[in-house]
Structures are given as C-alpha cells and as structure tokens.
Amino acid sequence: MADSELGNRLKDFRNEAGLTQAELAEQVGVSRKTINTIENRVFTPSATLALKVARALGRPVEAVFYLEDDPT
C-alpha cells in the first residue's frame, strides 16, 4: 500500500472561525509560520498539534485533517 498524503481543510475552517494564522498559532502554541506551512502542506503536524488545532477550531480532527486517498 502506498503512503498516503495528509490533506487538510485548515485554511477554510480557520477563516470560518474568523482567525488569522497568527491568532490560531498563539492559541495552539506555535509560530504563524508553522500554521502557514501546515495549510500549504509543507509540514505535517504531529498528532498532538493536529488535535490542538482541531480543538481550537471546534472541529473533529478528522474534519480538519484527512488522508488524500480516503474516499470519504
């Protein structure tokens, strides 16, 4: 089985929440650049960071992050 890439809907949910990258970053304890690189799929967050981000956005982690080859 080939490795799956992690996709995300972070930017959409962040915008819906009315948060800037800097505001979300402050809430989860990372830099604005980290949020930017996650949104642009340059950086894959740890499970802990993914959970913190999802919690800050009020979404389940599987709504924010998903496997690219997952049909759901």
PDB file of N, CA and C in Angstrom:
ATOM      1  N   MET A   1       0.841  -1.181   0.000  1.00  0.00           N
ATOM      2  CA  MET A   1       0.000   0.000   0.000  1.00  0.00           C
ATOM      3  C   MET A   1       0.887   1.245   0.000  1.00  0.00           C
ATOM      4  N   ALA A   2       0.595   2.172  -0.863  1.00  0.00           N
ATOM      5  CA  ALA A   2       1.387   3.394  -0.982  1.00  0.00           C
ATOM      6  C   ALA A   2       1.117   4.317   0.197  1.00  0.00           C
ATOM      7  N   ASP A   3       2.119   5.125   0.522  1.00  0.00           N
ATOM      8  CA  ASP A   3       1.939   6.106   1.591  1.00  0.00           C
ATOM      9  C   ASP A   3       0.893   7.136   1.171  1.00  0.00           C
ATOM     10  N   SER A   4       0.027   7.475   2.080  1.00  0.00           N
ATOM     11  CA  SER A   4      -0.995   8.486   1.831  1.00  0.00           C
ATOM     12  C   SER A   4      -0.481   9.833   2.291  1.00  0.00           C
ATOM     13  N   GLU A   5      -0.865  10.863   1.575  1.00  0.00           N
ATOM     14  CA  GLU A   5      -0.505  12.210   1.993  1.00  0.00           C
ATOM     15  C   GLU A   5      -1.622  12.766   2.857  1.00  0.00           C
ATOM     16  N   LEU A   6      -1.244  13.592   3.822  1.00  0.00           N
ATOM     17  CA  LEU A   6      -2.214  14.206   4.716  1.00  0.00           C
ATOM     18  C   LEU A   6      -2.693  15.513   4.107  1.00  0.00           C
ATOM     19  N   GLY A   7      -3.973  15.578   3.827  1.00  0.00           N
ATOM     20  CA  GLY A   7      -4.577  16.812   3.358  1.00  0.00           C
ATOM     21  C   GLY A   7      -5.207  17.531   4.535  1.00  0.00           C
ATOM     22  N   ASN A   8      -5.607  18.771   4.308  1.00  0.00           N
ATOM     23  CA  ASN A   8      -6.269  19.491   5.393  1.00  0.00           C
ATOM     24  C   ASN A   8      -7.212  20.559   4.860  1.00  0.00           C
ATOM     25  N   ARG A   9      -8.151  20.901   5.692  1.00  0.00           N
ATOM     26  CA  ARG A   9      -9.098  21.983   5.419  1.00  0.00           C
ATOM     27  C   ARG A   9      -8.863  23.121   6.423  1.00  0.00           C
ATOM     28  N   LEU A  10      -7.638  23.226   6.859  1.00  0.00           N
ATOM     29  CA  LEU A  10      -7.286  24.167   7.919  1.00  0.00           C
ATOM     30  C   LEU A  10      -7.625  25.608   7.549  1.00  0.00           C
ATOM     31  N   LYS A  11      -7.231  26.039   6.374  1.00  0.00           N
ATOM     32  CA  LYS A  11      -7.466  27.431   5.979  1.00  0.00           C
ATOM     33  C   LYS A  11      -8.962  27.739   5.951  1.00  0.00           C
ATOM     34  N   ASP A  12      -9.765  26.827   5.399  1.00  0.00           N
ATOM     35  CA  ASP A  12     -11.210  27.043   5.332  1.00  0.00           C
ATOM     36  C   ASP A  12     -11.804  27.194   6.726  1.00  0.00           C
ATOM     37  N   PHE A  13     -11.478  26.260   7.615  1.00  0.00           N
ATOM     38  CA  PHE A  13     -12.032  26.299   8.965  1.00  0.00           C
ATOM     39  C   PHE A  13     -11.487  27.487   9.765  1.00  0.00           C
ATOM     40  N   ARG A  14     -10.229  27.834   9.547  1.00  0.00           N
ATOM     41  CA  ARG A  14      -9.646  28.992  10.239  1.00  0.00           C
ATOM     42  C   ARG A  14     -10.364  30.261   9.815  1.00  0.00           C
ATOM     43  N   ASN A  15     -10.605  30.402   8.501  1.00  0.00           N
ATOM     44  CA  ASN A  15     -11.322  31.579   8.012  1.00  0.00           C
ATOM     45  C   ASN A  15     -12.753  31.614   8.536  1.00  0.00           C
ATOM     46  N   GLU A  16     -13.423  30.459   8.567  1.00  0.00           N
ATOM     47  CA  GLU A  16     -14.786  30.398   9.115  1.00  0.00           C
ATOM     48  C   GLU A  16     -14.816  30.830  10.575  1.00  0.00           C
ATOM     49  N   ALA A  17     -13.763  30.510  11.301  1.00  0.00           N
ATOM     50  CA  ALA A  17     -13.675  30.885  12.714  1.00  0.00           C
ATOM     51  C   ALA A  17     -13.264  32.348  12.903  1.00  0.00           C
ATOM     52  N   GLY A  18     -12.914  33.012  11.800  1.00  0.00           N
ATOM     53  CA  GLY A  18     -12.516  34.413  11.873  1.00  0.00           C
ATOM     54  C   GLY A  18     -11.153  34.626  12.503  1.00  0.00           C
ATOM     55  N   LEU A  19     -10.275  33.630  12.354  1.00  0.00           N
ATOM     56  CA  LEU A  19      -8.939  33.705  12.945  1.00  0.00           C
ATOM     57  C   LEU A  19      -7.871  33.941  11.881  1.00  0.00           C
ATOM     58  N   THR A  20      -6.881  34.744  12.226  1.00  0.00           N
ATOM     59  CA  THR A  20      -5.698  34.853  11.383  1.00  0.00           C
ATOM     60  C   THR A  20      -4.769  33.685  11.692  1.00  0.00           C
ATOM     61  N   GLN A  21      -3.781  33.493  10.857  1.00  0.00           N
ATOM     62  CA  GLN A  21      -2.785  32.464  11.143  1.00  0.00           C
ATOM     63  C   GLN A  21      -2.109  32.754  12.477  1.00  0.00           C
ATOM     64  N   ALA A  22      -1.810  34.003  12.730  1.00  0.00           N
ATOM     65  CA  ALA A  22      -1.126  34.377  13.974  1.00  0.00           C
ATOM     66  C   ALA A  22      -1.995  34.100  15.198  1.00  0.00           C
ATOM     67  N   GLU A  23      -3.281  34.378  15.103  1.00  0.00           N
ATOM     68  CA  GLU A  23      -4.180  34.133  16.230  1.00  0.00           C
ATOM     69  C   GLU A  23      -4.307  32.645  16.531  1.00  0.00           C
ATOM     70  N   LEU A  24      -4.466  31.839  15.480  1.00  0.00           N
ATOM     71  CA  LEU A  24      -4.547  30.397  15.690  1.00  0.00           C
ATOM     72  C   LEU A  24      -3.235  29.868  16.252  1.00  0.00           C
ATOM     73  N   ALA A  25      -2.136  30.347  15.714  1.00  0.00           N
ATOM     74  CA  ALA A  25      -0.822  29.918  16.190  1.00  0.00           C
ATOM     75  C   ALA A  25      -0.660  30.202  17.679  1.00  0.00           C
ATOM     76  N   GLU A  26      -1.078  31.389  18.104  1.00  0.00           N
ATOM     77  CA  GLU A  26      -0.969  31.745  19.522  1.00  0.00           C
ATOM     78  C   GLU A  26      -1.816  30.808  20.384  1.00  0.00           C
ATOM     79  N   GLN A  27      -3.008  30.471  19.912  1.00  0.00           N
ATOM     80  CA  GLN A  27      -3.895  29.592  20.681  1.00  0.00           C
ATOM     81  C   GLN A  27      -3.307  28.199  20.874  1.00  0.00           C
ATOM     82  N   VAL A  28      -2.577  27.702  19.872  1.00  0.00           N
ATOM     83  CA  VAL A  28      -2.061  26.333  19.968  1.00  0.00           C
ATOM     84  C   VAL A  28      -0.585  26.274  20.337  1.00  0.00           C
ATOM     85  N   GLY A  29       0.053  27.432  20.488  1.00  0.00           N
ATOM     86  CA  GLY A  29       1.429  27.471  20.976  1.00  0.00           C
ATOM     87  C   GLY A  29       2.508  27.209  19.946  1.00  0.00           C
ATOM     88  N   VAL A  30       2.259  27.659  18.699  1.00  0.00           N
ATOM     89  CA  VAL A  30       3.271  27.531  17.650  1.00  0.00           C
ATOM     90  C   VAL A  30       3.429  28.884  16.956  1.00  0.00           C
ATOM     91  N   SER A  31       4.319  28.951  15.989  1.00  0.00           N
ATOM     92  CA  SER A  31       4.507  30.196  15.241  1.00  0.00           C
ATOM     93  C   SER A  31       3.495  30.304  14.109  1.00  0.00           C
ATOM     94  N   ARG A  32       3.291  31.527  13.632  1.00  0.00           N
ATOM     95  CA  ARG A  32       2.427  31.749  12.475  1.00  0.00           C
ATOM     96  C   ARG A  32       2.927  30.970  11.270  1.00  0.00           C
ATOM     97  N   LYS A  33       4.239  30.909  11.138  1.00  0.00           N
ATOM     98  CA  LYS A  33       4.828  30.187  10.009  1.00  0.00           C
ATOM     99  C   LYS A  33       4.479  28.699  10.059  1.00  0.00           C
ATOM    100  N   THR A  34       4.409  28.128  11.243  1.00  0.00           N
ATOM    101  CA  THR A  34       4.023  26.717  11.364  1.00  0.00           C
ATOM    102  C   THR A  34       2.617  26.514  10.832  1.00  0.00           C
ATOM    103  N   ILE A  35       1.689  27.396  11.197  1.00  0.00           N
ATOM    104  CA  ILE A  35       0.318  27.287  10.681  1.00  0.00           C
ATOM    105  C   ILE A  35       0.328  27.428   9.167  1.00  0.00           C
ATOM    106  N   ASN A  36       1.095  28.360   8.659  1.00  0.00           N
ATOM    107  CA  ASN A  36       1.191  28.563   7.212  1.00  0.00           C
ATOM    108  C   ASN A  36       1.718  27.314   6.503  1.00  0.00           C
ATOM    109  N   THR A  37       2.749  26.711   7.054  1.00  0.00           N
ATOM    110  CA  THR A  37       3.320  25.538   6.392  1.00  0.00           C
ATOM    111  C   THR A  37       2.397  24.319   6.481  1.00  0.00           C
ATOM    112  N   ILE A  38       1.590  24.234   7.527  1.00  0.00           N
ATOM    113  CA  ILE A  38       0.591  23.165   7.596  1.00  0.00           C
ATOM    114  C   ILE A  38      -0.481  23.402   6.531  1.00  0.00           C
ATOM    115  N   GLU A  39      -0.980  24.627   6.451  1.00  0.00           N
ATOM    116  CA  GLU A  39      -2.016  24.951   5.462  1.00  0.00           C
ATOM    117  C   GLU A  39      -1.545  24.647   4.040  1.00  0.00           C
ATOM    118  N   ASN A  40      -0.284  24.902   3.776  1.00  0.00           N
ATOM    119  CA  ASN A  40       0.270  24.700   2.437  1.00  0.00           C
ATOM    120  C   ASN A  40       0.872  23.313   2.233  1.00  0.00           C
ATOM    121  N   ARG A  41       0.660  22.430   3.201  1.00  0.00           N
ATOM    122  CA  ARG A  41       1.082  21.032   3.139  1.00  0.00           C
ATOM    123  C   ARG A  41       2.593  20.862   2.958  1.00  0.00           C
ATOM    124  N   VAL A  42       3.338  21.806   3.500  1.00  0.00           N
ATOM    125  CA  VAL A  42       4.792  21.712   3.532  1.00  0.00           C
ATOM    126  C   VAL A  42       5.223  20.928   4.763  1.00  0.00           C
ATOM    127  N   PHE A  43       4.445  21.061   5.833  1.00  0.00           N
ATOM    128  CA  PHE A  43       4.736  20.448   7.120  1.00  0.00           C
ATOM    129  C   PHE A  43       3.539  19.626   7.561  1.00  0.00           C
ATOM    130  N   THR A  44       3.800  18.409   8.015  1.00  0.00           N
ATOM    131  CA  THR A  44       2.747  17.549   8.573  1.00  0.00           C
ATOM    132  C   THR A  44       2.814  17.653  10.090  1.00  0.00           C
ATOM    133  N   PRO A  45       1.724  18.084  10.717  1.00  0.00           N
ATOM    134  CA  PRO A  45       1.757  18.266  12.169  1.00  0.00           C
ATOM    135  C   PRO A  45       1.799  16.935  12.901  1.00  0.00           C
ATOM    136  N   SER A  46       2.339  16.965  14.103  1.00  0.00           N
ATOM    137  CA  SER A  46       2.269  15.797  14.982  1.00  0.00           C
ATOM    138  C   SER A  46       0.811  15.556  15.344  1.00  0.00           C
ATOM    139  N   ALA A  47       0.524  14.380  15.859  1.00  0.00           N
ATOM    140  CA  ALA A  47      -0.836  14.078  16.298  1.00  0.00           C
ATOM    141  C   ALA A  47      -1.275  15.062  17.373  1.00  0.00           C
ATOM    142  N   THR A  48      -0.375  15.403  18.280  1.00  0.00           N
ATOM    143  CA  THR A  48      -0.699  16.341  19.356  1.00  0.00           C
ATOM    144  C   THR A  48      -1.067  17.704  18.794  1.00  0.00           C
ATOM    145  N   LEU A  49      -0.270  18.202  17.862  1.00  0.00           N
ATOM    146  CA  LEU A  49      -0.554  19.508  17.271  1.00  0.00           C
ATOM    147  C   LEU A  49      -1.834  19.470  16.451  1.00  0.00           C
ATOM    148  N   ALA A  50      -2.061  18.397  15.714  1.00  0.00           N
ATOM    149  CA  ALA A  50      -3.296  18.272  14.932  1.00  0.00           C
ATOM    150  C   ALA A  50      -4.516  18.326  15.848  1.00  0.00           C
ATOM    151  N   LEU A  51      -4.447  17.649  16.987  1.00  0.00           N
ATOM    152  CA  LEU A  51      -5.551  17.676  17.942  1.00  0.00           C
ATOM    153  C   LEU A  51      -5.758  19.072  18.525  1.00  0.00           C
ATOM    154  N   LYS A  52      -4.661  19.767  18.847  1.00  0.00           N
ATOM    155  CA  LYS A  52      -4.766  21.124  19.383  1.00  0.00           C
ATOM    156  C   LYS A  52      -5.406  22.066  18.368  1.00  0.00           C
ATOM    157  N   VAL A  53      -4.990  21.947  17.115  1.00  0.00           N
ATOM    158  CA  VAL A  53      -5.530  22.797  16.051  1.00  0.00           C
ATOM    159  C   VAL A  53      -7.029  22.532  15.885  1.00  0.00           C
ATOM    160  N   ALA A  54      -7.396  21.265  15.795  1.00  0.00           N
ATOM    161  CA  ALA A  54      -8.805  20.915  15.631  1.00  0.00           C
ATOM    162  C   ALA A  54      -9.630  21.421  16.814  1.00  0.00           C
ATOM    163  N   ARG A  55      -9.123  21.242  17.998  1.00  0.00           N
ATOM    164  CA  ARG A  55      -9.836  21.707  19.199  1.00  0.00           C
ATOM    165  C   ARG A  55     -10.002  23.229  19.173  1.00  0.00           C
ATOM    166  N   ALA A  56      -8.962  23.951  18.785  1.00  0.00           N
ATOM    167  CA  ALA A  56      -9.034  25.411  18.722  1.00  0.00           C
ATOM    168  C   ALA A  56     -10.076  25.868  17.705  1.00  0.00           C
ATOM    169  N   LEU A  57     -10.287  25.069  16.665  1.00  0.00           N
ATOM    170  CA  LEU A  57     -11.262  25.403  15.629  1.00  0.00           C
ATOM    171  C   LEU A  57     -12.647  24.841  15.936  1.00  0.00           C
ATOM    172  N   GLY A  58     -12.759  24.070  17.014  1.00  0.00           N
ATOM    173  CA  GLY A  58     -14.041  23.497  17.386  1.00  0.00           C
ATOM    174  C   GLY A  58     -14.520  22.429  16.424  1.00  0.00           C
ATOM    175  N   ARG A  59     -13.571  21.713  15.839  1.00  0.00           N
ATOM    176  CA  ARG A  59     -13.884  20.676  14.846  1.00  0.00           C
ATOM    177  C   ARG A  59     -13.243  19.361  15.245  1.00  0.00           C
ATOM    178  N   PRO A  60     -13.819  18.243  14.794  1.00  0.00           N
ATOM    179  CA  PRO A  60     -13.139  16.960  14.999  1.00  0.00           C
ATOM    180  C   PRO A  60     -11.861  16.931  14.155  1.00  0.00           C
ATOM    181  N   VAL A  61     -10.851  16.278  14.659  1.00  0.00           N
ATOM    182  CA  VAL A  61      -9.572  16.252  13.948  1.00  0.00           C
ATOM    183  C   VAL A  61      -9.734  15.686  12.539  1.00  0.00           C
ATOM    184  N   GLU A  62     -10.624  14.689  12.366  1.00  0.00           N
ATOM    185  CA  GLU A  62     -10.785  14.098  11.035  1.00  0.00           C
ATOM    186  C   GLU A  62     -11.557  14.999  10.073  1.00  0.00           C
ATOM    187  N   ALA A  63     -12.152  16.079  10.574  1.00  0.00           N
ATOM    188  CA  ALA A  63     -12.755  17.076   9.690  1.00  0.00           C
ATOM    189  C   ALA A  63     -11.690  18.037   9.164  1.00  0.00           C
ATOM    190  N   VAL A  64     -10.698  18.310   9.995  1.00  0.00           N
ATOM    191  CA  VAL A  64      -9.641  19.252   9.615  1.00  0.00           C
ATOM    192  C   VAL A  64      -8.561  18.560   8.780  1.00  0.00           C
ATOM    193  N   PHE A  65      -8.184  17.342   9.177  1.00  0.00           N
ATOM    194  CA  PHE A  65      -7.135  16.597   8.502  1.00  0.00           C
ATOM    195  C   PHE A  65      -7.688  15.302   7.934  1.00  0.00           C
ATOM    196  N   TYR A  66      -7.215  14.913   6.762  1.00  0.00           N
ATOM    197  CA  TYR A  66      -7.703  13.695   6.126  1.00  0.00           C
ATOM    198  C   TYR A  66      -6.611  13.102   5.241  1.00  0.00           C
ATOM    199  N   LEU A  67      -6.732  11.815   4.959  1.00  0.00           N
ATOM    200  CA  LEU A  67      -5.811  11.162   4.033  1.00  0.00           C
ATOM    201  C   LEU A  67      -6.268  11.430   2.620  1.00  0.00           C
ATOM    202  N   GLU A  68      -5.350  11.805   1.747  1.00  0.00           N
ATOM    203  CA  GLU A  68      -5.669  12.154   0.377  1.00  0.00           C
ATOM    204  C   GLU A  68      -6.406  11.040  -0.360  1.00  0.00           C
ATOM    205  N   ASP A  69      -6.061   9.780  -0.122  1.00  0.00           N
ATOM    206  CA  ASP A  69      -6.689   8.692  -0.865  1.00  0.00           C
ATOM    207  C   ASP A  69      -7.933   8.152  -0.181  1.00  0.00           C
ATOM    208  N   ASP A  70      -8.369   8.809   0.902  1.00  0.00           N
ATOM    209  CA  ASP A  70      -9.570   8.373   1.619  1.00  0.00           C
ATOM    210  C   ASP A  70     -10.800   8.850   0.839  1.00  0.00           C
ATOM    211  N   PRO A  71     -11.678   7.944   0.426  1.00  0.00           N
ATOM    212  CA  PRO A  71     -12.819   8.339  -0.372  1.00  0.00           C
ATOM    213  C   PRO A  71     -13.886   9.126   0.376  1.00  0.00           C
ATOM    214  N   THR A  72     -13.788   9.201   1.720  1.00  0.00           N
ATOM    215  CA  THR A  72     -14.841   9.905   2.473  1.00  0.00           C
ATOM    216  C   THR A  72     -14.605  11.377   2.578  1.00  0.00           C
TER     217      THR A  72
END
